Amino acid sequence: MLVVDRDSENLALAEARLSARGYIVSACRSSLDAVRELERQLFDLVLVSVGMELVDGQELTERIRKATFTCYVPIIMMAGG
């Protein structure tokens, strides 16, 4: 599972909770890092924060959907309160 969020505290929390439940988690703090990670490795699920810098979560989702090798990967968008 790939988790993408610019907030390091949110990433640490997501990683801890998901790892405790047996998931293998990779974390990225930027959309550009996430794109590079997705080019290296295929994930079963991507959790994306809506509020990213430079490339926001919506644009990242569009990029993932356009790429042949990731177009079917499930994506869950996250938004802070």
PDB file of N, CA and C in Angstrom:
ATOM      1  N   MET A   1       0.848  -1.162   0.000  1.00  0.00           N
ATOM      2  CA  MET A   1       0.000   0.000   0.000  1.00  0.00           C
ATOM      3  C   MET A   1       0.898   1.232   0.000  1.00  0.00           C
ATOM      4  N   LEU A   2       0.525   2.215  -0.795  1.00  0.00           N
ATOM      5  CA  LEU A   2       1.259   3.468  -0.844  1.00  0.00           C
ATOM      6  C   LEU A   2       0.413   4.561  -0.206  1.00  0.00           C
ATOM      7  N   VAL A   3       1.011   5.296   0.741  1.00  0.00           N
ATOM      8  CA  VAL A   3       0.335   6.409   1.401  1.00  0.00           C
ATOM      9  C   VAL A   3       1.063   7.690   1.007  1.00  0.00           C
ATOM     10  N   VAL A   4       0.288   8.678   0.535  1.00  0.00           N
ATOM     11  CA  VAL A   4       0.875   9.930   0.067  1.00  0.00           C
ATOM     12  C   VAL A   4       0.245  11.091   0.843  1.00  0.00           C
ATOM     13  N   ASP A   5       1.093  11.811   1.593  1.00  0.00           N
ATOM     14  CA  ASP A   5       0.609  12.946   2.384  1.00  0.00           C
ATOM     15  C   ASP A   5       1.793  13.853   2.664  1.00  0.00           C
ATOM     16  N   ARG A   6       1.615  15.145   2.546  1.00  0.00           N
ATOM     17  CA  ARG A   6       2.718  16.079   2.795  1.00  0.00           C
ATOM     18  C   ARG A   6       3.019  16.238   4.285  1.00  0.00           C
ATOM     19  N   ASP A   7       2.088  15.865   5.144  1.00  0.00           N
ATOM     20  CA  ASP A   7       2.245  16.010   6.588  1.00  0.00           C
ATOM     21  C   ASP A   7       2.916  14.757   7.158  1.00  0.00           C
ATOM     22  N   SER A   8       4.116  14.929   7.693  1.00  0.00           N
ATOM     23  CA  SER A   8       4.873  13.781   8.199  1.00  0.00           C
ATOM     24  C   SER A   8       4.186  13.098   9.380  1.00  0.00           C
ATOM     25  N   GLU A   9       3.450  13.861  10.201  1.00  0.00           N
ATOM     26  CA  GLU A   9       2.723  13.250  11.319  1.00  0.00           C
ATOM     27  C   GLU A   9       1.603  12.344  10.812  1.00  0.00           C
ATOM     28  N   ASN A  10       0.880  12.799   9.795  1.00  0.00           N
ATOM     29  CA  ASN A  10      -0.175  11.968   9.213  1.00  0.00           C
ATOM     30  C   ASN A  10       0.409  10.696   8.604  1.00  0.00           C
ATOM     31  N   LEU A  11       1.554  10.839   7.927  1.00  0.00           N
ATOM     32  CA  LEU A  11       2.202   9.664   7.341  1.00  0.00           C
ATOM     33  C   LEU A  11       2.607   8.668   8.419  1.00  0.00           C
ATOM     34  N   ALA A  12       3.217   9.164   9.480  1.00  0.00           N
ATOM     35  CA  ALA A  12       3.656   8.282  10.566  1.00  0.00           C
ATOM     36  C   ALA A  12       2.472   7.564  11.203  1.00  0.00           C
ATOM     37  N   LEU A  13       1.382   8.286  11.416  1.00  0.00           N
ATOM     38  CA  LEU A  13       0.184   7.681  12.000  1.00  0.00           C
ATOM     39  C   LEU A  13      -0.396   6.613  11.080  1.00  0.00           C
ATOM     40  N   ALA A  14      -0.523   6.935   9.809  1.00  0.00           N
ATOM     41  CA  ALA A  14      -1.071   5.966   8.842  1.00  0.00           C
ATOM     42  C   ALA A  14      -0.179   4.733   8.754  1.00  0.00           C
ATOM     43  N   GLU A  15       1.124   4.967   8.680  1.00  0.00           N
ATOM     44  CA  GLU A  15       2.068   3.853   8.602  1.00  0.00           C
ATOM     45  C   GLU A  15       1.972   2.952   9.832  1.00  0.00           C
ATOM     46  N   ALA A  16       1.925   3.546  11.003  1.00  0.00           N
ATOM     47  CA  ALA A  16       1.858   2.769  12.247  1.00  0.00           C
ATOM     48  C   ALA A  16       0.573   1.960  12.330  1.00  0.00           C
ATOM     49  N   ARG A  17      -0.536   2.605  12.039  1.00  0.00           N
ATOM     50  CA  ARG A  17      -1.830   1.906  12.163  1.00  0.00           C
ATOM     51  C   ARG A  17      -1.974   0.789  11.129  1.00  0.00           C
ATOM     52  N   LEU A  18      -1.571   1.075   9.900  1.00  0.00           N
ATOM     53  CA  LEU A  18      -1.715   0.073   8.845  1.00  0.00           C
ATOM     54  C   LEU A  18      -0.717  -1.072   9.020  1.00  0.00           C
ATOM     55  N   SER A  19       0.515  -0.749   9.403  1.00  0.00           N
ATOM     56  CA  SER A  19       1.520  -1.792   9.641  1.00  0.00           C
ATOM     57  C   SER A  19       1.100  -2.701  10.789  1.00  0.00           C
ATOM     58  N   ALA A  20       0.492  -2.118  11.821  1.00  0.00           N
ATOM     59  CA  ALA A  20       0.027  -2.907  12.964  1.00  0.00           C
ATOM     60  C   ALA A  20      -1.052  -3.908  12.560  1.00  0.00           C
ATOM     61  N   ARG A  21      -1.730  -3.616  11.471  1.00  0.00           N
ATOM     62  CA  ARG A  21      -2.770  -4.519  10.976  1.00  0.00           C
ATOM     63  C   ARG A  21      -2.261  -5.460   9.884  1.00  0.00           C
ATOM     64  N   GLY A  22      -0.942  -5.473   9.698  1.00  0.00           N
ATOM     65  CA  GLY A  22      -0.331  -6.428   8.775  1.00  0.00           C
ATOM     66  C   GLY A  22      -0.096  -5.939   7.354  1.00  0.00           C
ATOM     67  N   TYR A  23      -0.376  -4.677   7.079  1.00  0.00           N
ATOM     68  CA  TYR A  23      -0.153  -4.148   5.738  1.00  0.00           C
ATOM     69  C   TYR A  23       1.302  -3.736   5.571  1.00  0.00           C
ATOM     70  N   ILE A  24       1.824  -3.936   4.385  1.00  0.00           N
ATOM     71  CA  ILE A  24       3.145  -3.430   4.035  1.00  0.00           C
ATOM     72  C   ILE A  24       2.925  -2.047   3.447  1.00  0.00           C
ATOM     73  N   VAL A  25       3.533  -1.032   4.069  1.00  0.00           N
ATOM     74  CA  VAL A  25       3.241   0.360   3.725  1.00  0.00           C
ATOM     75  C   VAL A  25       4.498   1.064   3.236  1.00  0.00           C
ATOM     76  N   SER A  26       4.351   1.761   2.126  1.00  0.00           N
ATOM     77  CA  SER A  26       5.368   2.697   1.654  1.00  0.00           C
ATOM     78  C   SER A  26       4.760   4.085   1.769  1.00  0.00           C
ATOM     79  N   ALA A  27       5.579   5.059   2.131  1.00  0.00           N
ATOM     80  CA  ALA A  27       5.066   6.413   2.340  1.00  0.00           C
ATOM     81  C   ALA A  27       5.840   7.409   1.490  1.00  0.00           C
ATOM     82  N   CYS A  28       5.114   8.403   0.969  1.00  0.00           N
ATOM     83  CA  CYS A  28       5.715   9.487   0.192  1.00  0.00           C
ATOM     84  C   CYS A  28       5.137  10.807   0.677  1.00  0.00           C
ATOM     85  N   ARG A  29       6.010  11.829   0.738  1.00  0.00           N
ATOM     86  CA  ARG A  29       5.565  13.150   1.195  1.00  0.00           C
ATOM     87  C   ARG A  29       5.178  14.069   0.045  1.00  0.00           C
ATOM     88  N   SER A  30       5.382  13.641  -1.194  1.00  0.00           N
ATOM     89  CA  SER A  30       4.999  14.481  -2.324  1.00  0.00           C
ATOM     90  C   SER A  30       4.420  13.625  -3.436  1.00  0.00           C
ATOM     91  N   SER A  31       3.617  14.259  -4.257  1.00  0.00           N
ATOM     92  CA  SER A  31       3.019  13.557  -5.400  1.00  0.00           C
ATOM     93  C   SER A  31       4.086  13.113  -6.379  1.00  0.00           C
ATOM     94  N   LEU A  32       5.112  13.934  -6.557  1.00  0.00           N
ATOM     95  CA  LEU A  32       6.181  13.582  -7.491  1.00  0.00           C
ATOM     96  C   LEU A  32       6.947  12.354  -7.008  1.00  0.00           C
ATOM     97  N   ASP A  33       7.192  12.264  -5.694  1.00  0.00           N
ATOM     98  CA  ASP A  33       7.816  11.058  -5.140  1.00  0.00           C
ATOM     99  C   ASP A  33       6.907   9.846  -5.331  1.00  0.00           C
ATOM    100  N   ALA A  34       5.617  10.053  -5.180  1.00  0.00           N
ATOM    101  CA  ALA A  34       4.660   8.951  -5.351  1.00  0.00           C
ATOM    102  C   ALA A  34       4.674   8.435  -6.792  1.00  0.00           C
ATOM    103  N   VAL A  35       4.743   9.340  -7.762  1.00  0.00           N
ATOM    104  CA  VAL A  35       4.803   8.920  -9.167  1.00  0.00           C
ATOM    105  C   VAL A  35       6.051   8.075  -9.402  1.00  0.00           C
ATOM    106  N   ARG A  36       7.183   8.516  -8.872  1.00  0.00           N
ATOM    107  CA  ARG A  36       8.431   7.742  -9.019  1.00  0.00           C
ATOM    108  C   ARG A  36       8.307   6.374  -8.351  1.00  0.00           C
ATOM    109  N   GLU A  37       7.700   6.338  -7.177  1.00  0.00           N
ATOM    110  CA  GLU A  37       7.519   5.065  -6.464  1.00  0.00           C
ATOM    111  C   GLU A  37       6.605   4.123  -7.249  1.00  0.00           C
ATOM    112  N   LEU A  38       5.554   4.681  -7.833  1.00  0.00           N
ATOM    113  CA  LEU A  38       4.626   3.864  -8.636  1.00  0.00           C
ATOM    114  C   LEU A  38       5.272   3.350  -9.907  1.00  0.00           C
ATOM    115  N   GLU A  39       6.268   4.035 -10.418  1.00  0.00           N
ATOM    116  CA  GLU A  39       7.013   3.551 -11.586  1.00  0.00           C
ATOM    117  C   GLU A  39       7.924   2.392 -11.215  1.00  0.00           C
ATOM    118  N   ARG A  40       8.369   2.356  -9.956  1.00  0.00           N
ATOM    119  CA  ARG A  40       9.269   1.313  -9.463  1.00  0.00           C
ATOM    120  C   ARG A  40       8.544   0.060  -9.008  1.00  0.00           C
ATOM    121  N   GLN A  41       7.343   0.250  -8.460  1.00  0.00           N
ATOM    122  CA  GLN A  41       6.657  -0.846  -7.788  1.00  0.00           C
ATOM    123  C   GLN A  41       5.149  -0.711  -7.971  1.00  0.00           C
ATOM    124  N   LEU A  42       4.483  -1.822  -8.150  1.00  0.00           N
ATOM    125  CA  LEU A  42       3.023  -1.821  -8.249  1.00  0.00           C
ATOM    126  C   LEU A  42       2.431  -2.032  -6.856  1.00  0.00           C
ATOM    127  N   PHE A  43       1.433  -1.238  -6.525  1.00  0.00           N
ATOM    128  CA  PHE A  43       0.788  -1.315  -5.215  1.00  0.00           C
ATOM    129  C   PHE A  43      -0.648  -1.806  -5.364  1.00  0.00           C
ATOM    130  N   ASP A  44      -1.162  -2.439  -4.304  1.00  0.00           N
ATOM    131  CA  ASP A  44      -2.543  -2.918  -4.299  1.00  0.00           C
ATOM    132  C   ASP A  44      -3.530  -1.788  -4.021  1.00  0.00           C
ATOM    133  N   LEU A  45      -3.057  -0.726  -3.374  1.00  0.00           N
ATOM    134  CA  LEU A  45      -3.924   0.384  -2.992  1.00  0.00           C
ATOM    135  C   LEU A  45      -3.067   1.628  -2.791  1.00  0.00           C
ATOM    136  N   VAL A  46      -3.627   2.792  -3.153  1.00  0.00           N
ATOM    137  CA  VAL A  46      -2.948   4.064  -2.916  1.00  0.00           C
ATOM    138  C   VAL A  46      -3.885   4.957  -2.114  1.00  0.00           C
ATOM    139  N   LEU A  47      -3.391   5.460  -0.973  1.00  0.00           N
ATOM    140  CA  LEU A  47      -4.118   6.448  -0.160  1.00  0.00           C
ATOM    141  C   LEU A  47      -3.482   7.795  -0.446  1.00  0.00           C
ATOM    142  N   VAL A  48      -4.276   8.752  -0.924  1.00  0.00           N
ATOM    143  CA  VAL A  48      -3.748  10.047  -1.357  1.00  0.00           C
ATOM    144  C   VAL A  48      -4.433  11.177  -0.600  1.00  0.00           C
ATOM    145  N   SER A  49      -3.627  12.061  -0.029  1.00  0.00           N
ATOM    146  CA  SER A  49      -4.159  13.264   0.601  1.00  0.00           C
ATOM    147  C   SER A  49      -4.571  14.251  -0.487  1.00  0.00           C
ATOM    148  N   VAL A  50      -5.715  14.872  -0.298  1.00  0.00           N
ATOM    149  CA  VAL A  50      -6.193  15.860  -1.268  1.00  0.00           C
ATOM    150  C   VAL A  50      -5.272  17.077  -1.277  1.00  0.00           C
ATOM    151  N   GLY A  51      -4.821  17.511  -0.109  1.00  0.00           N
ATOM    152  CA  GLY A  51      -4.077  18.761   0.018  1.00  0.00           C
ATOM    153  C   GLY A  51      -2.578  18.605  -0.122  1.00  0.00           C
ATOM    154  N   MET A  52      -2.110  18.271  -1.302  1.00  0.00           N
ATOM    155  CA  MET A  52      -0.678  18.157  -1.547  1.00  0.00           C
ATOM    156  C   MET A  52      -0.158  19.446  -2.175  1.00  0.00           C
ATOM    157  N   GLU A  53       1.155  19.666  -2.077  1.00  0.00           N
ATOM    158  CA  GLU A  53       1.781  20.834  -2.691  1.00  0.00           C
ATOM    159  C   GLU A  53       2.209  20.498  -4.122  1.00  0.00           C
ATOM    160  N   LEU A  54       2.367  21.521  -4.946  1.00  0.00           N
ATOM    161  CA  LEU A  54       2.777  21.418  -6.351  1.00  0.00           C
ATOM    162  C   LEU A  54       1.756  20.637  -7.170  1.00  0.00           C
ATOM    163  N   VAL A  55       1.684  19.347  -6.954  1.00  0.00           N
ATOM    164  CA  VAL A  55       0.702  18.497  -7.632  1.00  0.00           C
ATOM    165  C   VAL A  55      -0.260  18.009  -6.562  1.00  0.00           C
ATOM    166  N   ASP A  56      -1.522  18.450  -6.615  1.00  0.00           N
ATOM    167  CA  ASP A  56      -2.468  18.065  -5.564  1.00  0.00           C
ATOM    168  C   ASP A  56      -2.951  16.632  -5.745  1.00  0.00           C
ATOM    169  N   GLY A  57      -3.702  16.164  -4.767  1.00  0.00           N
ATOM    170  CA  GLY A  57      -4.184  14.784  -4.788  1.00  0.00           C
ATOM    171  C   GLY A  57      -5.045  14.455  -5.988  1.00  0.00           C
ATOM    172  N   GLN A  58      -5.846  15.406  -6.436  1.00  0.00           N
ATOM    173  CA  GLN A  58      -6.700  15.171  -7.607  1.00  0.00           C
ATOM    174  C   GLN A  58      -5.856  14.979  -8.862  1.00  0.00           C
ATOM    175  N   GLU A  59      -4.862  15.825  -9.039  1.00  0.00           N
ATOM    176  CA  GLU A  59      -4.000  15.701 -10.214  1.00  0.00           C
ATOM    177  C   GLU A  59      -3.173  14.420 -10.162  1.00  0.00           C
ATOM    178  N   LEU A  60      -2.705  14.060  -8.972  1.00  0.00           N
ATOM    179  CA  LEU A  60      -1.979  12.798  -8.828  1.00  0.00           C
ATOM    180  C   LEU A  60      -2.866  11.631  -9.233  1.00  0.00           C
ATOM    181  N   THR A  61      -4.110  11.648  -8.779  1.00  0.00           N
ATOM    182  CA  THR A  61      -5.053  10.588  -9.138  1.00  0.00           C
ATOM    183  C   THR A  61      -5.229  10.514 -10.658  1.00  0.00           C
ATOM    184  N   GLU A  62      -5.346  11.657 -11.303  1.00  0.00           N
ATOM    185  CA  GLU A  62      -5.477  11.676 -12.764  1.00  0.00           C
ATOM    186  C   GLU A  62      -4.244  11.093 -13.439  1.00  0.00           C
ATOM    187  N   ARG A  63      -3.061  11.422 -12.926  1.00  0.00           N
ATOM    188  CA  ARG A  63      -1.825  10.865 -13.496  1.00  0.00           C
ATOM    189  C   ARG A  63      -1.772   9.352 -13.329  1.00  0.00           C
ATOM    190  N   ILE A  64      -2.171   8.874 -12.159  1.00  0.00           N
ATOM    191  CA  ILE A  64      -2.179   7.430 -11.911  1.00  0.00           C
ATOM    192  C   ILE A  64      -3.138   6.741 -12.876  1.00  0.00           C
ATOM    193  N   ARG A  65      -4.304   7.334 -13.081  1.00  0.00           N
ATOM    194  CA  ARG A  65      -5.314   6.739 -13.970  1.00  0.00           C
ATOM    195  C   ARG A  65      -4.870   6.724 -15.443  1.00  0.00           C
ATOM    196  N   LYS A  66      -4.067   7.695 -15.846  1.00  0.00           N
ATOM    197  CA  LYS A  66      -3.619   7.774 -17.239  1.00  0.00           C
ATOM    198  C   LYS A  66      -2.496   6.795 -17.563  1.00  0.00           C
ATOM    199  N   ALA A  67      -1.726   6.398 -16.567  1.00  0.00           N
ATOM    200  CA  ALA A  67      -0.601   5.492 -16.796  1.00  0.00           C
ATOM    201  C   ALA A  67      -1.109   4.067 -16.973  1.00  0.00           C
ATOM    202  N   THR A  68      -0.666   3.417 -18.012  1.00  0.00           N
ATOM    203  CA  THR A  68      -1.113   2.057 -18.336  1.00  0.00           C
ATOM    204  C   THR A  68      -0.871   1.083 -17.192  1.00  0.00           C
ATOM    205  N   PHE A  69       0.285   1.193 -16.533  1.00  0.00           N
ATOM    206  CA  PHE A  69       0.654   0.228 -15.508  1.00  0.00           C
ATOM    207  C   PHE A  69      -0.022   0.460 -14.166  1.00  0.00           C
ATOM    208  N   THR A  70      -0.692   1.604 -13.985  1.00  0.00           N
ATOM    209  CA  THR A  70      -1.356   1.874 -12.702  1.00  0.00           C
ATOM    210  C   THR A  70      -2.835   2.221 -12.846  1.00  0.00           C
ATOM    211  N   CYS A  71      -3.376   2.146 -14.033  1.00  0.00           N
ATOM    212  CA  CYS A  71      -4.741   2.628 -14.259  1.00  0.00           C
ATOM    213  C   CYS A  71      -5.808   1.873 -13.472  1.00  0.00           C
ATOM    214  N   TYR A  72      -5.510   0.648 -13.019  1.00  0.00           N
ATOM    215  CA  TYR A  72      -6.515  -0.137 -12.285  1.00  0.00           C
ATOM    216  C   TYR A  72      -6.259  -0.199 -10.786  1.00  0.00           C
ATOM    217  N   VAL A  73      -5.233   0.496 -10.308  1.00  0.00           N
ATOM    218  CA  VAL A  73      -4.916   0.497  -8.885  1.00  0.00           C
ATOM    219  C   VAL A  73      -6.000   1.297  -8.134  1.00  0.00           C
ATOM    220  N   PRO A  74      -6.620   0.718  -7.115  1.00  0.00           N
ATOM    221  CA  PRO A  74      -7.618   1.470  -6.331  1.00  0.00           C
ATOM    222  C   PRO A  74      -6.956   2.646  -5.611  1.00  0.00           C
ATOM    223  N   ILE A  75      -7.667   3.769  -5.581  1.00  0.00           N
ATOM    224  CA  ILE A  75      -7.179   4.979  -4.932  1.00  0.00           C
ATOM    225  C   ILE A  75      -8.242   5.471  -3.962  1.00  0.00           C
ATOM    226  N   ILE A  76      -7.818   5.797  -2.759  1.00  0.00           N
ATOM    227  CA  ILE A  76      -8.700   6.394  -1.770  1.00  0.00           C
ATOM    228  C   ILE A  76      -8.161   7.790  -1.482  1.00  0.00           C
ATOM    229  N   MET A  77      -8.995   8.811  -1.665  1.00  0.00           N
ATOM    230  CA  MET A  77      -8.610  10.178  -1.390  1.00  0.00           C
ATOM    231  C   MET A  77      -8.904  10.476   0.080  1.00  0.00           C
ATOM    232  N   MET A  78      -7.967  11.165   0.743  1.00  0.00           N
ATOM    233  CA  MET A  78      -8.133  11.525   2.152  1.00  0.00           C
ATOM    234  C   MET A  78      -8.174  13.046   2.267  1.00  0.00           C
ATOM    235  N   ALA A  79      -8.991  13.549   3.146  1.00  0.00           N
ATOM    236  CA  ALA A  79      -9.076  14.995   3.392  1.00  0.00           C
ATOM    237  C   ALA A  79      -9.073  15.232   4.896  1.00  0.00           C
ATOM    238  N   GLY A  80      -8.293  16.216   5.324  1.00  0.00           N
ATOM    239  CA  GLY A  80      -8.253  16.569   6.736  1.00  0.00           C
ATOM    240  C   GLY A  80      -9.446  17.414   7.119  1.00  0.00           C
ATOM    241  N   GLY A  81      -9.712  17.468   8.393  1.00  0.00           N
ATOM    242  CA  GLY A  81     -10.865  18.195   8.860  1.00  0.00           C
ATOM    243  C   GLY A  81     -10.626  19.559   9.340  1.00  0.00           C
TER     244      GLY A  81
END
